[in-house]
Amino acid sequence: MGHVMEHNLLFPNFQLFAGFPSSDLADVIRESLAFLDRHPALLAMVDADLDAYGLQKKAQRLQRQRELLASHPSLGIGETPTTDTVDMTLAAGRPRTPALVVFLFLILRGRYGSASDQDVCERFRESKSMEYLLAARGYRMPSRQTLVDNLNAVSNATREAILDAQVEDCRTEGLDDFNEIAIDSTAVCACSAWPNDASLGARSLQRACRELAVLRDMGLVDYRDGWKLRWREQVVSLARGINMLRGKKANAKRRQLYRKLVNTMEKLMVSIKEIYKLLLSEDTSRLHVTVRTVRERHLLNGVRALINGWKASNQIQARVLEHQTLPMDEKLLSLADSDATLIIKGDRQTVLGYRPGLSRSREGFIVDLALEKGNTSDARVLIKTVQAVASRTGAVPQKVTTDDGYASTKNMADLERLGVGLVTFSGAKGKKITPQKVWDSEEAIEQRARRSAVESLMAVMKGDYFFARMRRCGVENVRAEMLEKVLAYNFDRILLVRERKIQEQRSAPMIA
């Protein structure tokens, strides 16, 4: 009984008959804690990322302080501090979120798709598993914004290191030898609306005018609506009218409305361009540092919106009115995510987003995530992907299987030079470049049959791990989001494969 009383003193929320809860979430938390016990260096990496984030915020505070003192020398506070004269280390302050908590929620964000969504936050707060874990270690549930800030502070290098450790554990435990790899890519939607020339132009100019209105309300610019208000309303109305048209018979009417839209957009852009030019040339040294910071933010947003408006206008002029085909990198596709592009995969539906490639081992673990900006062809990234797999697993896989999108004579020859024993490309192109004897071998037939497993993996990732549509913008942020989902999937897969192997061992016949 004395031990129970002592435990209650250490863990205030301890319940005598309530052990660690039994649930899928509890299993993931338990596995994550055991994983950290095996790889304590990962917590040090998370701590280093949080330190870097804290130092960045400190540098920003110093910058604001320098600007404040420079704009108010009469305060007589003394010499303006700089990063060279100030100790750029983190002093003791409010306790920050522990690295262990950040790590756990990093995995959980990958598993549930978000750490800021209201429903997900409520799930965390109502979870007995989370309550037990945090209370037992003296931790509290972080606030939503604090949690998101800390999770976003974790670098992609740390996420990659976690994936390295997962693969190392699978090999050490005998869950997989990683000699067989299946590779495929998929189309993933960006956190952005489908591109529409008229809507992109209208929203850009609305934003440019709105930022000027904010600066006017702050007393920083003499901006009057005048004709600009009427032009802005016409742009919105014309864009709405274009989007309402349907059918081939509406093509002539659509071109007429597009021509009016371009003319009205140009009149509006020419007028507000002069105001932005004046704002950019003004001397703001006399402004209070806070006012100057806010002014620069709205000015930058407005200039970007105006540039996007010009891009949309030029795009409409070339594509619709002059029937020209623009290169993909010259198109304005999204106001939210400039790195997103149109992903075209065969006869499948085109999406605005990204084209990640996943490498699946025989036992179903994700060994590598390949993500590049743009609609990069599969064939161009195959060798780089296999090299990344070999670097992570410590050995070149002996069997690599992909679909026809990766097939080329050069890729086959390069993979054989890397040391891959059997390369199989499923499809007509793959059959054409593969020797008939190899194509008809039982081993090659088996590998081509296994290739469908990676397509099932894509379905699982999109259906269970929110992989179909991203919540973050920018290729590096999207890479971070995808890596978190990969890590969460691998933890679930480790639990599944381990349990299956235990059952197989139990059912295996005893050898006398």
Protein backbone atom coordinates (compact mmCIF):
# COMPACT_ATOMS: atom_id res chain seq x y z
CA MET A 1 0.00 0.00 0.00
CA GLY A 2 2.94 2.29 0.68
CA HIS A 3 4.05 1.92 -2.92
CA VAL A 4 0.60 3.05 -4.12
CA MET A 5 0.70 6.11 -1.86
CA GLU A 6 4.18 6.97 -3.15
CA HIS A 7 2.97 6.59 -6.74
CA ASN A 8 0.05 8.90 -6.05
CA LEU A 9 2.45 11.56 -4.79
CA LEU A 10 4.50 11.29 -7.99
CA PHE A 11 1.52 11.05 -10.33
CA PRO A 12 -1.44 13.03 -8.95
CA ASN A 13 -3.96 11.65 -11.46
CA PHE A 14 -2.92 8.04 -10.88
CA GLN A 15 -5.83 5.61 -10.55
CA LEU A 16 -5.26 2.32 -8.73
CA PHE A 17 -7.23 0.12 -11.14
CA ALA A 18 -6.72 2.10 -14.36
CA GLY A 19 -3.59 1.14 -16.28
CA PHE A 20 -2.45 2.59 -19.58
CA PRO A 21 -5.60 2.70 -21.75
CA SER A 22 -6.10 0.07 -24.43
CA SER A 23 -6.75 1.70 -27.82
CA ASP A 24 -5.10 2.28 -31.18
CA LEU A 25 -3.98 5.72 -30.00
CA ALA A 26 -2.52 4.25 -26.83
CA ASP A 27 -0.63 1.66 -28.88
CA VAL A 28 0.90 4.36 -31.07
CA ILE A 29 1.90 6.41 -28.01
CA ARG A 30 3.41 3.37 -26.32
CA GLU A 31 5.36 2.45 -29.47
CA SER A 32 6.54 6.06 -29.88
CA LEU A 33 7.84 6.18 -26.30
CA ALA A 34 9.69 2.89 -26.74
CA PHE A 35 11.08 4.23 -30.02
CA LEU A 36 12.42 7.32 -28.26
CA ASP A 37 14.05 5.14 -25.59
CA ARG A 38 15.98 3.41 -28.38
CA HIS A 39 16.86 6.67 -30.15
CA PRO A 40 17.39 9.42 -27.55
CA ALA A 41 19.38 11.44 -30.09
CA LEU A 42 16.12 12.26 -31.84
CA LEU A 43 14.90 14.19 -28.80
CA ALA A 44 18.15 16.14 -28.87
CA MET A 45 17.47 17.01 -32.52
CA VAL A 46 13.94 18.19 -31.67
CA ASP A 47 15.38 20.27 -28.82
CA ALA A 48 17.92 21.80 -31.21
CA ASP A 49 15.12 22.73 -33.62
CA LEU A 50 13.15 24.34 -30.79
CA ASP A 51 16.29 26.24 -29.71
CA ALA A 52 16.77 27.50 -33.26
CA TYR A 53 13.15 28.60 -33.35
CA GLY A 54 13.55 30.40 -30.01
CA LEU A 55 16.72 32.16 -31.18
CA GLN A 56 14.96 33.25 -34.35
CA LYS A 57 12.17 34.83 -32.31
CA LYS A 58 14.76 36.49 -30.07
CA ALA A 59 16.55 37.94 -33.10
CA GLN A 60 13.24 39.33 -34.34
CA ARG A 61 12.59 40.95 -30.96
CA LEU A 62 16.05 42.53 -31.03
CA GLN A 63 15.44 43.82 -34.53
CA ARG A 64 12.22 45.50 -33.43
CA GLN A 65 14.02 46.93 -30.39
CA ARG A 66 16.82 48.35 -32.56
CA GLU A 67 14.29 49.98 -34.88
CA LEU A 68 12.39 51.44 -31.92
CA LEU A 69 15.54 52.96 -30.38
CA ALA A 70 16.72 54.24 -33.75
CA SER A 71 13.41 56.00 -34.33
CA HIS A 72 13.32 57.44 -30.79
CA PRO A 73 16.91 58.49 -29.84
CA SER A 74 15.51 60.94 -27.29
CA LEU A 75 14.60 58.04 -25.02
CA GLY A 76 18.22 57.95 -23.90
CA ILE A 77 18.16 54.22 -23.23
CA GLY A 78 21.69 53.79 -24.50
CA GLU A 79 23.46 52.04 -27.32
CA THR A 80 21.29 50.12 -29.74
CA PRO A 81 21.78 46.37 -29.16
CA THR A 82 22.86 44.14 -32.03
CA THR A 83 23.17 40.41 -32.46
CA ASP A 84 26.95 40.88 -32.17
CA THR A 85 26.81 42.65 -28.80
CA VAL A 86 23.90 40.72 -27.27
CA ASP A 87 24.23 37.19 -25.93
CA MET A 88 22.31 35.18 -28.52
CA THR A 89 21.47 32.34 -26.17
CA LEU A 90 18.17 31.35 -24.65
CA ALA A 91 17.89 32.45 -21.04
CA ALA A 92 15.54 30.88 -18.51
CA GLY A 93 11.97 31.96 -19.09
CA ARG A 94 8.57 30.41 -19.35
CA PRO A 95 8.81 26.62 -19.60
CA ARG A 96 8.48 25.61 -23.21
CA THR A 97 6.79 22.51 -24.58
CA PRO A 98 9.06 19.50 -23.89
CA ALA A 99 10.67 17.81 -26.88
CA LEU A 100 8.96 14.52 -26.02
CA VAL A 101 5.52 16.14 -26.23
CA VAL A 102 6.45 17.82 -29.51
CA PHE A 103 7.61 14.48 -30.92
CA LEU A 104 4.41 12.68 -29.92
CA PHE A 105 2.15 15.35 -31.38
CA LEU A 106 4.26 15.41 -34.53
CA ILE A 107 3.34 11.76 -35.07
CA LEU A 108 -0.27 12.33 -34.07
CA ARG A 109 -0.60 15.26 -36.46
CA GLY A 110 0.51 12.93 -39.23
CA ARG A 111 -2.00 10.31 -38.09
CA TYR A 112 -5.01 12.62 -37.72
CA GLY A 113 -4.15 15.16 -40.41
CA SER A 114 -3.96 18.21 -38.16
CA ALA A 115 -3.09 19.52 -34.72
CA SER A 116 -5.12 22.72 -35.01
CA ASP A 117 -8.44 21.47 -36.36
CA GLN A 118 -11.11 21.89 -33.69
CA ASP A 119 -12.38 18.31 -33.94
CA VAL A 120 -8.86 16.91 -33.69
CA CYS A 121 -8.02 19.12 -30.70
CA GLU A 122 -11.19 17.97 -28.96
CA ARG A 123 -10.21 14.36 -29.64
CA PHE A 124 -6.82 14.97 -28.02
CA ARG A 125 -8.35 16.70 -24.99
CA GLU A 126 -10.91 13.95 -24.47
CA SER A 127 -8.43 11.12 -24.99
CA LYS A 128 -7.72 9.10 -21.84
CA SER A 129 -4.44 7.98 -23.38
CA MET A 130 -3.22 11.57 -23.74
CA GLU A 131 -4.53 12.49 -20.29
CA TYR A 132 -2.71 9.55 -18.70
CA LEU A 133 0.57 10.24 -20.51
CA LEU A 134 0.74 13.99 -19.90
CA ALA A 135 -0.41 13.83 -16.27
CA ALA A 136 1.93 10.96 -15.41
CA ARG A 137 4.93 12.96 -16.64
CA GLY A 138 3.80 16.27 -15.17
CA TYR A 139 2.93 17.78 -18.53
CA ARG A 140 -0.12 19.75 -19.57
CA MET A 141 -1.91 19.83 -22.88
CA PRO A 142 -0.34 22.72 -24.86
CA SER A 143 -2.57 25.39 -26.31
CA ARG A 144 -3.47 25.01 -29.95
CA GLN A 145 -1.25 27.81 -31.27
CA THR A 146 1.71 26.90 -29.04
CA LEU A 147 1.51 23.32 -30.25
CA VAL A 148 1.35 24.29 -33.93
CA ASP A 149 4.26 26.74 -33.58
CA ASN A 150 6.44 24.10 -31.94
CA LEU A 151 5.53 21.39 -34.46
CA ASN A 152 6.32 23.71 -37.35
CA ALA A 153 9.68 24.50 -35.75
CA VAL A 154 10.81 20.90 -36.27
CA SER A 155 13.05 20.71 -39.33
CA ASN A 156 12.66 18.31 -42.22
CA ALA A 157 16.13 17.00 -41.42
CA THR A 158 14.76 15.81 -38.07
CA ARG A 159 11.76 14.20 -39.77
CA GLU A 160 14.11 12.39 -42.16
CA ALA A 161 16.21 11.23 -39.19
CA ILE A 162 13.07 9.77 -37.57
CA LEU A 163 12.34 7.86 -40.79
CA ASP A 164 15.96 6.62 -40.82
CA ALA A 165 15.51 5.31 -37.27
CA GLN A 166 12.22 3.60 -38.15
CA VAL A 167 13.88 1.72 -41.01
CA GLU A 168 16.82 0.81 -38.78
CA ASP A 169 14.47 -0.61 -36.14
CA CYS A 170 12.55 -2.66 -38.72
CA ARG A 171 15.77 -4.19 -39.99
CA THR A 172 17.15 -4.84 -36.48
CA GLU A 173 13.91 -6.44 -35.29
CA GLY A 174 13.67 -8.58 -38.41
CA LEU A 175 10.39 -7.06 -39.59
CA ASP A 176 11.79 -6.49 -43.10
CA ASP A 177 15.07 -6.95 -44.96
CA PHE A 178 14.25 -4.20 -47.52
CA ASN A 179 15.57 -6.29 -50.41
CA GLU A 180 12.35 -5.72 -52.41
CA ILE A 181 11.05 -2.24 -53.22
CA ALA A 182 7.97 -1.18 -55.18
CA ILE A 183 7.83 2.45 -56.32
CA ASP A 184 4.94 4.56 -57.58
CA SER A 185 3.78 8.18 -57.62
CA THR A 186 0.40 9.77 -57.14
CA ALA A 187 -1.33 13.12 -57.60
CA VAL A 188 -2.07 15.07 -54.41
CA CYS A 189 -4.22 18.19 -54.25
CA ALA A 190 -2.68 21.40 -52.93
CA CYS A 191 -4.32 23.62 -50.34
CA SER A 192 -5.73 25.81 -53.07
CA ALA A 193 -8.76 26.23 -55.32
CA TRP A 194 -8.76 25.02 -58.91
CA PRO A 195 -7.08 27.64 -61.15
CA ASN A 196 -9.43 29.95 -63.00
CA ASP A 197 -7.97 32.87 -64.95
CA ALA A 198 -10.89 35.22 -64.35
CA SER A 199 -11.19 34.45 -60.64
CA LEU A 200 -7.42 34.68 -60.10
CA GLY A 201 -7.32 38.12 -61.70
CA ALA A 202 -10.37 39.41 -59.84
CA ARG A 203 -9.19 38.16 -56.43
CA SER A 204 -5.69 39.56 -57.00
CA LEU A 205 -6.95 43.06 -57.74
CA GLN A 206 -9.44 42.92 -54.89
CA ARG A 207 -6.50 42.16 -52.59
CA ALA A 208 -4.38 44.96 -54.06
CA CYS A 209 -7.18 47.49 -53.51
CA ARG A 210 -7.96 46.16 -50.04
CA GLU A 211 -4.36 46.64 -48.91
CA LEU A 212 -4.43 50.22 -50.13
CA ALA A 213 -7.64 50.80 -48.19
CA VAL A 214 -5.97 49.52 -45.01
CA LEU A 215 -3.03 51.87 -45.53
CA ARG A 216 -5.47 54.72 -46.15
CA ASP A 217 -7.31 53.97 -42.91
CA MET A 218 -3.94 54.12 -41.12
CA GLY A 219 -3.40 57.60 -42.61
CA LEU A 220 -0.38 56.45 -44.63
CA VAL A 221 -1.65 57.10 -48.16
CA ASP A 222 -4.03 59.46 -49.90
CA TYR A 223 -6.13 56.83 -51.64
CA ARG A 224 -9.55 57.62 -53.03
CA ASP A 225 -11.81 55.05 -54.66
CA GLY A 226 -13.29 57.19 -57.42
CA TRP A 227 -13.40 55.29 -60.70
CA LYS A 228 -11.29 52.54 -59.15
CA LEU A 229 -14.25 51.31 -57.12
CA ARG A 230 -16.40 51.04 -60.25
CA TRP A 231 -13.63 49.24 -62.16
CA ARG A 232 -13.11 46.82 -59.28
CA GLU A 233 -16.82 46.02 -59.18
CA GLN A 234 -16.84 45.51 -62.95
CA VAL A 235 -13.88 43.11 -62.73
CA VAL A 236 -15.68 41.02 -60.10
CA SER A 237 -18.93 41.07 -62.08
CA LEU A 238 -17.23 40.07 -65.35
CA ALA A 239 -15.34 37.24 -63.65
CA ARG A 240 -18.58 35.96 -62.18
CA GLY A 241 -20.29 36.17 -65.55
CA ILE A 242 -17.48 34.23 -67.25
CA ASN A 243 -17.65 31.49 -64.66
CA MET A 244 -21.42 31.16 -65.09
CA LEU A 245 -21.18 30.43 -68.83
CA ARG A 246 -21.50 26.78 -69.83
CA GLY A 247 -21.39 24.84 -73.09
CA LYS A 248 -19.68 25.25 -76.46
CA LYS A 249 -22.24 27.80 -77.65
CA ALA A 250 -21.02 30.17 -74.94
CA ASN A 251 -17.47 30.39 -76.36
CA ALA A 252 -18.12 33.57 -78.36
CA LYS A 253 -19.78 35.24 -75.37
CA ARG A 254 -16.94 34.09 -73.12
CA ARG A 255 -14.28 35.66 -75.38
CA GLN A 256 -16.24 38.92 -75.41
CA LEU A 257 -16.43 39.00 -71.62
CA TYR A 258 -12.74 38.09 -71.30
CA ARG A 259 -11.81 41.01 -73.59
CA LYS A 260 -13.84 43.40 -71.43
CA LEU A 261 -12.28 41.89 -68.31
CA VAL A 262 -8.73 42.44 -69.57
CA ASN A 263 -9.46 46.05 -70.56
CA THR A 264 -11.05 46.85 -67.19
CA MET A 265 -8.26 45.11 -65.26
CA GLU A 266 -5.62 47.13 -67.11
CA LYS A 267 -7.36 50.43 -66.34
CA LEU A 268 -7.53 49.52 -62.66
CA MET A 269 -3.96 48.24 -62.50
CA VAL A 270 -2.48 51.30 -64.19
CA SER A 271 -4.19 53.59 -61.69
CA ILE A 272 -3.19 51.74 -58.52
CA LYS A 273 0.32 51.01 -59.83
CA GLU A 274 1.19 54.69 -59.51
CA ILE A 275 0.05 54.71 -55.89
CA TYR A 276 2.20 51.68 -55.07
CA LYS A 277 5.20 53.26 -56.83
CA LEU A 278 4.79 56.34 -54.63
CA LEU A 279 4.54 54.22 -51.48
CA LEU A 280 7.67 52.27 -52.37
CA SER A 281 9.67 55.48 -52.87
CA GLU A 282 8.63 57.17 -49.61
CA ASP A 283 11.05 57.66 -46.72
CA THR A 284 9.56 55.89 -43.67
CA SER A 285 12.39 56.48 -41.17
CA ARG A 286 10.27 58.92 -39.14
CA LEU A 287 7.44 56.46 -38.64
CA HIS A 288 7.09 54.54 -35.40
CA VAL A 289 8.67 51.11 -35.71
CA THR A 290 5.35 49.32 -35.20
CA VAL A 291 3.60 51.47 -37.79
CA ARG A 292 6.47 50.96 -40.22
CA THR A 293 6.35 47.20 -39.76
CA VAL A 294 2.61 47.05 -40.39
CA ARG A 295 2.99 49.38 -43.38
CA GLU A 296 5.66 47.19 -44.95
CA ARG A 297 3.56 44.07 -44.49
CA HIS A 298 0.47 45.52 -46.18
CA LEU A 299 2.57 47.20 -48.87
CA LEU A 300 4.33 43.91 -49.70
CA ASN A 301 1.04 42.01 -49.81
CA GLY A 302 -0.46 44.64 -52.08
CA VAL A 303 2.48 44.67 -54.48
CA ARG A 304 2.40 40.88 -54.73
CA ALA A 305 -1.33 40.98 -55.43
CA LEU A 306 -0.83 43.61 -58.14
CA ILE A 307 1.90 41.50 -59.77
CA ASN A 308 -0.44 38.50 -59.73
CA GLY A 309 -3.09 40.68 -61.36
CA TRP A 310 -0.71 41.52 -64.22
CA LYS A 311 0.17 37.83 -64.58
CA ALA A 312 -3.50 36.87 -64.76
CA SER A 313 -4.20 39.58 -67.33
CA ASN A 314 -1.28 38.50 -69.53
CA GLN A 315 -2.34 34.88 -69.13
CA ILE A 316 -5.88 35.65 -70.30
CA GLN A 317 -4.57 37.70 -73.22
CA ALA A 318 -2.26 34.91 -74.41
CA ARG A 319 -4.34 31.83 -73.65
CA VAL A 320 -7.90 32.98 -74.44
CA LEU A 321 -7.61 35.91 -76.83
CA GLU A 322 -4.48 34.93 -78.80
CA HIS A 323 -4.78 31.10 -78.49
CA GLN A 324 -1.19 30.70 -77.30
CA THR A 325 0.08 27.88 -75.11
CA LEU A 326 2.00 29.13 -72.09
CA PRO A 327 4.76 27.10 -70.41
CA MET A 328 3.65 25.70 -67.07
CA ASP A 329 6.25 27.68 -65.11
CA GLU A 330 4.90 30.96 -66.54
CA LYS A 331 1.31 30.32 -65.52
CA LEU A 332 -0.39 31.78 -62.46
CA LEU A 333 -2.11 28.75 -60.94
CA SER A 334 -2.69 29.64 -57.31
CA LEU A 335 -2.68 32.67 -55.05
CA ALA A 336 -2.22 30.51 -51.95
CA ASP A 337 0.50 28.08 -53.02
CA SER A 338 2.91 29.31 -55.69
CA ASP A 339 4.73 25.94 -55.75
CA ALA A 340 1.63 23.95 -56.73
CA THR A 341 1.29 22.93 -60.36
CA LEU A 342 -1.03 20.95 -62.61
CA ILE A 343 -0.40 17.23 -62.15
CA ILE A 344 -1.22 15.21 -65.24
CA LYS A 345 -0.99 11.40 -64.95
CA GLY A 346 -2.17 9.55 -68.04
CA ASP A 347 -5.95 9.50 -68.41
CA ARG A 348 -6.57 10.35 -64.76
CA GLN A 349 -8.17 13.58 -63.65
CA THR A 350 -5.77 16.50 -63.62
CA VAL A 351 -5.28 18.07 -60.19
CA LEU A 352 -3.60 21.21 -58.91
CA GLY A 353 -0.98 20.10 -56.43
CA TYR A 354 2.05 17.86 -56.12
CA ARG A 355 3.34 14.52 -57.37
CA PRO A 356 4.98 12.59 -54.51
CA GLY A 357 6.56 9.19 -55.05
CA LEU A 358 6.50 6.49 -52.36
CA SER A 359 8.84 3.51 -52.05
CA ARG A 360 7.19 0.50 -50.39
CA SER A 361 9.06 -2.48 -48.96
CA ARG A 362 7.81 -6.07 -49.20
CA GLU A 363 6.27 -5.88 -45.71
CA GLY A 364 4.56 -2.60 -46.48
CA PHE A 365 6.87 0.00 -44.87
CA ILE A 366 7.44 3.35 -46.59
CA VAL A 367 11.18 3.66 -47.07
CA ASP A 368 11.38 6.91 -49.02
CA LEU A 369 9.32 9.94 -50.00
CA ALA A 370 10.32 11.63 -53.27
CA LEU A 371 8.88 15.09 -53.78
CA GLU A 372 9.99 17.71 -56.27
CA LYS A 373 8.45 20.96 -57.39
CA GLY A 374 6.48 20.66 -60.61
CA ASN A 375 5.00 17.79 -62.58
CA THR A 376 8.28 15.86 -62.74
CA SER A 377 8.10 12.68 -64.78
CA ASP A 378 8.54 9.40 -62.92
CA ALA A 379 11.39 8.26 -65.19
CA ARG A 380 13.53 11.26 -64.20
CA VAL A 381 13.46 10.51 -60.47
CA LEU A 382 13.79 6.70 -60.44
CA ILE A 383 17.55 6.46 -60.04
CA LYS A 384 17.59 9.19 -57.41
CA THR A 385 14.83 7.39 -55.51
CA VAL A 386 16.62 4.01 -55.50
CA GLN A 387 19.83 5.70 -54.36
CA ALA A 388 17.91 7.33 -51.50
CA VAL A 389 16.45 3.94 -50.53
CA ALA A 390 19.92 2.35 -50.58
CA SER A 391 21.31 5.17 -48.44
CA ARG A 392 18.55 4.77 -45.86
CA THR A 393 18.55 0.95 -45.68
CA GLY A 394 22.30 0.52 -45.97
CA ALA A 395 22.14 -1.70 -49.06
CA VAL A 396 20.95 -1.53 -52.67
CA PRO A 397 17.60 -3.36 -52.98
CA GLN A 398 17.90 -6.58 -54.97
CA LYS A 399 14.45 -6.26 -56.58
CA VAL A 400 12.84 -3.04 -57.80
CA THR A 401 9.42 -2.99 -59.43
CA THR A 402 7.58 0.00 -60.91
CA ASP A 403 5.01 0.77 -63.57
CA ASP A 404 5.50 1.88 -67.17
CA GLY A 405 5.90 5.52 -66.17
CA TYR A 406 9.39 4.76 -64.85
CA ALA A 407 10.39 2.51 -67.76
CA SER A 408 13.36 3.37 -69.95
CA THR A 409 16.36 1.50 -71.27
CA LYS A 410 18.67 3.95 -69.52
CA ASN A 411 16.94 3.49 -66.16
CA MET A 412 17.18 -0.28 -66.45
CA ALA A 413 20.87 -0.11 -67.27
CA ASP A 414 21.59 2.41 -64.49
CA LEU A 415 19.77 0.29 -61.90
CA GLU A 416 21.72 -2.79 -62.92
CA ARG A 417 24.95 -0.80 -62.55
CA LEU A 418 23.84 0.23 -59.05
CA GLY A 419 23.61 -3.46 -58.17
CA VAL A 420 19.87 -4.15 -58.45
CA GLY A 421 19.46 -7.83 -59.35
CA LEU A 422 15.98 -7.73 -60.90
CA VAL A 423 14.24 -4.70 -62.42
CA THR A 424 10.62 -5.08 -63.52
CA PHE A 425 8.55 -2.46 -65.32
CA SER A 426 4.88 -3.44 -65.58
CA GLY A 427 3.26 -2.52 -68.88
CA ALA A 428 3.79 -2.59 -72.62
CA LYS A 429 6.84 -0.32 -72.56
CA GLY A 430 8.43 -2.36 -69.80
CA LYS A 431 7.85 -5.58 -71.72
CA LYS A 432 9.42 -4.07 -74.83
CA ILE A 433 12.71 -3.15 -73.12
CA THR A 434 12.95 -6.31 -70.95
CA PRO A 435 14.59 -9.45 -72.36
CA GLN A 436 11.93 -12.08 -73.04
CA LYS A 437 13.63 -14.66 -70.84
CA VAL A 438 13.64 -12.27 -67.88
CA TRP A 439 10.07 -11.13 -68.54
CA ASP A 440 8.75 -14.71 -68.52
CA SER A 441 10.68 -15.80 -65.43
CA GLU A 442 8.63 -16.78 -62.36
CA GLU A 443 10.50 -14.25 -60.26
CA ALA A 444 9.64 -11.37 -62.61
CA ILE A 445 6.00 -12.47 -62.83
CA GLU A 446 5.81 -12.54 -59.03
CA GLN A 447 7.33 -9.06 -58.77
CA ARG A 448 4.90 -7.59 -61.31
CA ALA A 449 2.03 -9.13 -59.36
CA ARG A 450 3.34 -7.49 -56.17
CA ARG A 451 3.44 -4.05 -57.77
CA SER A 452 -0.27 -3.53 -57.07
CA ALA A 453 0.60 -3.42 -53.37
CA VAL A 454 2.07 0.06 -53.75
CA GLU A 455 -1.18 1.23 -55.36
CA SER A 456 -3.05 -0.14 -52.35
CA LEU A 457 -0.61 1.83 -50.18
CA MET A 458 -1.60 5.04 -51.99
CA ALA A 459 -5.27 4.29 -51.31
CA VAL A 460 -4.55 3.67 -47.62
CA MET A 461 -2.53 6.87 -47.30
CA LYS A 462 -5.25 8.94 -48.95
CA GLY A 463 -8.12 7.26 -47.14
CA ASP A 464 -6.69 6.90 -43.63
CA TYR A 465 -3.85 9.43 -43.36
CA PHE A 466 -5.32 12.49 -45.14
CA PHE A 467 -2.77 12.23 -47.97
CA ALA A 468 -5.19 13.23 -50.74
CA ARG A 469 -5.16 16.97 -49.98
CA MET A 470 -2.53 19.01 -48.21
CA ARG A 471 -3.23 21.59 -45.53
CA ARG A 472 0.05 23.48 -45.88
CA CYS A 473 1.48 25.57 -48.73
CA GLY A 474 4.93 25.59 -50.33
CA VAL A 475 6.95 22.57 -51.38
CA GLU A 476 9.05 22.36 -48.18
CA ASN A 477 6.02 22.72 -45.94
CA VAL A 478 4.18 20.11 -48.01
CA ARG A 479 7.21 17.81 -47.69
CA ALA A 480 7.05 18.23 -43.91
CA GLU A 481 3.35 17.39 -43.87
CA MET A 482 3.84 14.32 -46.04
CA LEU A 483 6.77 13.08 -43.96
CA GLU A 484 4.66 13.29 -40.80
CA LYS A 485 1.98 11.15 -42.45
CA VAL A 486 4.63 8.66 -43.57
CA LEU A 487 6.03 8.43 -40.03
CA ALA A 488 2.57 7.89 -38.55
CA TYR A 489 1.80 5.19 -41.12
CA ASN A 490 5.08 3.40 -40.42
CA PHE A 491 4.40 3.27 -36.67
CA ASP A 492 1.01 1.70 -37.35
CA ARG A 493 2.61 -0.72 -39.80
CA ILE A 494 5.30 -1.72 -37.30
CA LEU A 495 2.61 -2.69 -34.80
CA LEU A 496 0.71 -4.67 -37.44
CA VAL A 497 3.70 -6.56 -38.88
CA ARG A 498 5.11 -7.31 -35.45
CA GLU A 499 1.81 -8.79 -34.26
CA ARG A 500 1.48 -10.83 -37.44
CA LYS A 501 4.96 -12.29 -37.05
CA ILE A 502 4.24 -13.15 -33.41
CA GLN A 503 1.11 -15.00 -34.50
CA GLU A 504 3.05 -16.82 -37.20
CA GLN A 505 5.65 -17.94 -34.68
CA ARG A 506 2.95 -19.18 -32.33
CA SER A 507 1.20 -21.16 -35.05
CA ALA A 508 4.41 -22.64 -36.45
CA PRO A 509 4.74 -26.41 -35.77
CA MET A 510 7.05 -27.40 -32.94
CA ILE A 511 10.24 -29.16 -34.11
CA ALA A 512 11.17 -32.13 -31.94
